[in-house]
Amino acid sequence: MEFKDFKIKILPLTCLEKDPLNEEAYLDTDVSNLAESMKDIGFFGDLVAYPIEGEKYRIESGHRRYDAAMLADITEVPVFITEPPQNLVERRKRLNQWNDYARPTTPLGTAKLIDFKYHTYKMENDYLKKIGKNLQRNEYIYSTHIKNEGIT
């Protein structure tokens, strides 16, 4: 993933939407302590999101901070703007890469994350088999064929 013209913008929370795939990969966690902290010291860090339509952006990283900001009645947050993923596999992989390290986990949470990763890579490998390529990840072949097939 290469960012050519990255930007950090201050956006209203109303311009942001959580990625529904985040719910598939991660268990909901309580953000009340984080919200209380934000009430005391303000929002910290930034969210990561990409444009989806009009003035809307989909969050890739920062779902918990987004929820906490909502609870803390914060209306605007800094957002690192990325380029939209080219397809569903890239979207799932990026969601995983941005969020994998930052989550507290339980055995059930770990199992859910492993299941999400398994299905992401299975989706990629099934497609590579379909086009007759070996299962080594060649990013050029992968992204070109997936894009041409319209897998999103």
Protein backbone atom coordinates (compact mmCIF):
# COMPACT_ATOMS: atom_id res chain seq x y z
CA MET A 1 0.00 0.00 0.00
CA GLU A 2 1.55 3.27 -1.10
CA PHE A 3 0.27 6.67 -0.09
CA LYS A 4 1.13 9.33 -2.65
CA ASP A 5 -0.90 12.29 -1.51
CA PHE A 6 -1.81 11.60 2.07
CA LYS A 7 -3.60 14.19 4.12
CA ILE A 8 -4.70 14.67 7.67
CA LYS A 9 -8.02 16.46 7.88
CA ILE A 10 -10.20 17.52 10.77
CA LEU A 11 -13.59 15.96 10.00
CA PRO A 12 -16.94 15.97 11.75
CA LEU A 13 -17.92 12.56 13.11
CA THR A 14 -21.03 12.76 10.91
CA CYS A 15 -18.77 12.38 7.83
CA LEU A 16 -17.38 9.07 9.10
CA GLU A 17 -18.82 5.58 9.01
CA LYS A 18 -17.53 2.47 10.71
CA ASP A 19 -16.53 -0.42 8.47
CA PRO A 20 -19.08 -3.21 9.04
CA LEU A 21 -16.28 -5.75 8.49
CA ASN A 22 -14.73 -4.51 11.74
CA GLU A 23 -17.61 -6.16 13.61
CA GLU A 24 -16.86 -9.41 11.79
CA ALA A 25 -13.19 -9.34 12.83
CA TYR A 26 -13.30 -7.93 16.33
CA LEU A 27 -15.48 -8.26 19.37
CA ASP A 28 -17.09 -5.08 20.63
CA THR A 29 -15.19 -3.69 23.56
CA ASP A 30 -16.27 -1.26 26.22
CA VAL A 31 -15.07 2.27 25.43
CA SER A 32 -16.54 4.03 28.46
CA ASN A 33 -13.14 4.52 30.15
CA LEU A 34 -11.69 5.83 26.89
CA ALA A 35 -14.65 8.22 26.55
CA GLU A 36 -14.14 9.48 30.11
CA SER A 37 -10.48 10.09 29.35
CA MET A 38 -11.44 12.03 26.22
CA LYS A 39 -13.81 14.17 28.26
CA ASP A 40 -10.87 15.07 30.52
CA ILE A 41 -8.05 15.58 28.02
CA GLY A 42 -9.73 15.61 24.60
CA PHE A 43 -9.37 13.37 21.58
CA PHE A 44 -5.88 11.94 21.06
CA GLY A 45 -4.31 10.34 18.03
CA ASP A 46 -6.14 10.17 14.75
CA LEU A 47 -8.48 7.89 12.84
CA VAL A 48 -7.56 6.31 9.51
CA ALA A 49 -10.23 6.45 6.79
CA TYR A 50 -10.71 6.55 3.03
CA PRO A 51 -13.30 8.39 0.92
CA ILE A 52 -16.34 6.33 -0.11
CA GLU A 53 -18.91 8.73 -1.57
CA GLY A 54 -19.46 12.45 -1.52
CA GLU A 55 -18.15 13.79 1.76
CA LYS A 56 -18.27 10.39 3.52
CA TYR A 57 -15.28 8.37 4.72
CA ARG A 58 -15.05 4.74 5.91
CA ILE A 59 -12.94 4.12 9.01
CA GLU A 60 -10.08 1.63 8.65
CA SER A 61 -8.55 2.19 12.06
CA GLY A 62 -9.95 3.92 15.11
CA HIS A 63 -13.38 2.34 15.53
CA ARG A 64 -13.04 2.33 19.32
CA ARG A 65 -11.79 5.94 19.38
CA TYR A 66 -14.70 6.90 17.11
CA ASP A 67 -17.20 5.27 19.52
CA ALA A 68 -15.52 6.90 22.52
CA ALA A 69 -15.56 10.32 20.82
CA MET A 70 -19.29 9.91 20.22
CA LEU A 71 -19.82 9.08 23.91
CA ALA A 72 -17.66 12.05 24.94
CA ASP A 73 -19.70 14.43 22.73
CA ILE A 74 -16.66 15.27 20.60
CA THR A 75 -17.85 16.47 17.21
CA GLU A 76 -14.64 16.65 15.12
CA VAL A 77 -11.54 14.46 15.00
CA PRO A 78 -8.26 14.33 13.04
CA VAL A 79 -8.36 11.74 10.26
CA PHE A 80 -5.47 10.35 8.23
CA ILE A 81 -6.96 9.98 4.73
CA THR A 82 -5.87 6.94 2.70
CA GLU A 83 -6.70 5.82 -0.80
CA PRO A 84 -9.72 3.51 -1.09
CA PRO A 85 -8.91 -0.22 -1.31
CA GLN A 86 -9.16 -1.65 -4.81
CA ASN A 87 -11.24 -4.68 -3.82
CA LEU A 88 -12.74 -6.62 -0.93
CA VAL A 89 -9.62 -8.68 -0.24
CA GLU A 90 -7.46 -5.55 0.03
CA ARG A 91 -10.10 -3.93 2.25
CA ARG A 92 -10.12 -6.93 4.61
CA LYS A 93 -6.32 -7.14 4.71
CA ARG A 94 -5.93 -3.42 5.41
CA LEU A 95 -8.56 -3.54 8.15
CA ASN A 96 -6.59 -6.38 9.72
CA GLN A 97 -3.20 -4.67 9.32
CA TRP A 98 -4.36 -1.36 10.80
CA ASN A 99 -6.15 -2.95 13.76
CA ASP A 100 -4.51 -6.27 14.61
CA TYR A 101 -2.01 -5.00 17.16
CA ALA A 102 -4.23 -2.60 19.06
CA ARG A 103 -6.95 -4.81 20.47
CA PRO A 104 -7.26 -6.31 23.90
CA THR A 105 -8.23 -9.90 23.43
CA THR A 106 -9.93 -12.87 25.02
CA PRO A 107 -9.85 -16.46 23.76
CA LEU A 108 -13.15 -15.80 21.93
CA GLY A 109 -11.77 -12.56 20.47
CA THR A 110 -8.64 -14.36 19.27
CA ALA A 111 -10.76 -17.09 17.65
CA LYS A 112 -12.90 -14.47 15.88
CA LEU A 113 -9.81 -12.67 14.56
CA ILE A 114 -8.25 -15.94 13.35
CA ASP A 115 -11.50 -16.79 11.55
CA PHE A 116 -11.51 -13.35 9.86
CA LYS A 117 -7.89 -13.77 8.74
CA TYR A 118 -8.53 -17.30 7.51
CA HIS A 119 -11.48 -16.23 5.34
CA THR A 120 -9.57 -13.23 3.99
CA TYR A 121 -6.64 -15.33 2.81
CA LYS A 122 -8.90 -18.17 1.65
CA MET A 123 -10.77 -15.66 -0.51
CA GLU A 124 -7.48 -14.50 -2.01
CA ASN A 125 -6.12 -18.02 -2.56
CA ASP A 126 -9.39 -19.31 -4.06
CA TYR A 127 -9.27 -16.51 -6.59
CA LEU A 128 -5.63 -17.17 -7.45
CA LYS A 129 -6.46 -20.85 -8.01
CA LYS A 130 -9.35 -19.82 -10.25
CA ILE A 131 -7.07 -17.82 -12.52
CA GLY A 132 -4.53 -20.67 -12.62
CA LYS A 133 -1.71 -19.00 -10.74
CA ASN A 134 0.34 -20.55 -7.99
CA LEU A 135 -0.45 -19.44 -4.47
CA GLN A 136 2.52 -17.15 -4.07
CA ARG A 137 1.27 -13.62 -3.54
CA ASN A 138 2.35 -11.66 -6.58
CA GLU A 139 0.85 -8.24 -5.84
CA TYR A 140 0.84 -7.12 -9.49
CA ILE A 141 -0.92 -10.23 -10.79
CA TYR A 142 -3.22 -10.32 -7.79
CA SER A 143 -4.33 -6.71 -7.92
CA THR A 144 -4.63 -6.61 -11.72
CA HIS A 145 -6.72 -9.78 -11.98
CA ILE A 146 -8.91 -9.02 -8.97
CA LYS A 147 -9.52 -5.51 -10.30
CA ASN A 148 -10.30 -6.79 -13.80
CA GLU A 149 -12.72 -9.39 -12.42
CA GLY A 150 -14.48 -6.73 -10.38
CA ILE A 151 -14.19 -8.64 -7.10
CA THR A 152 -15.19 -6.10 -4.49
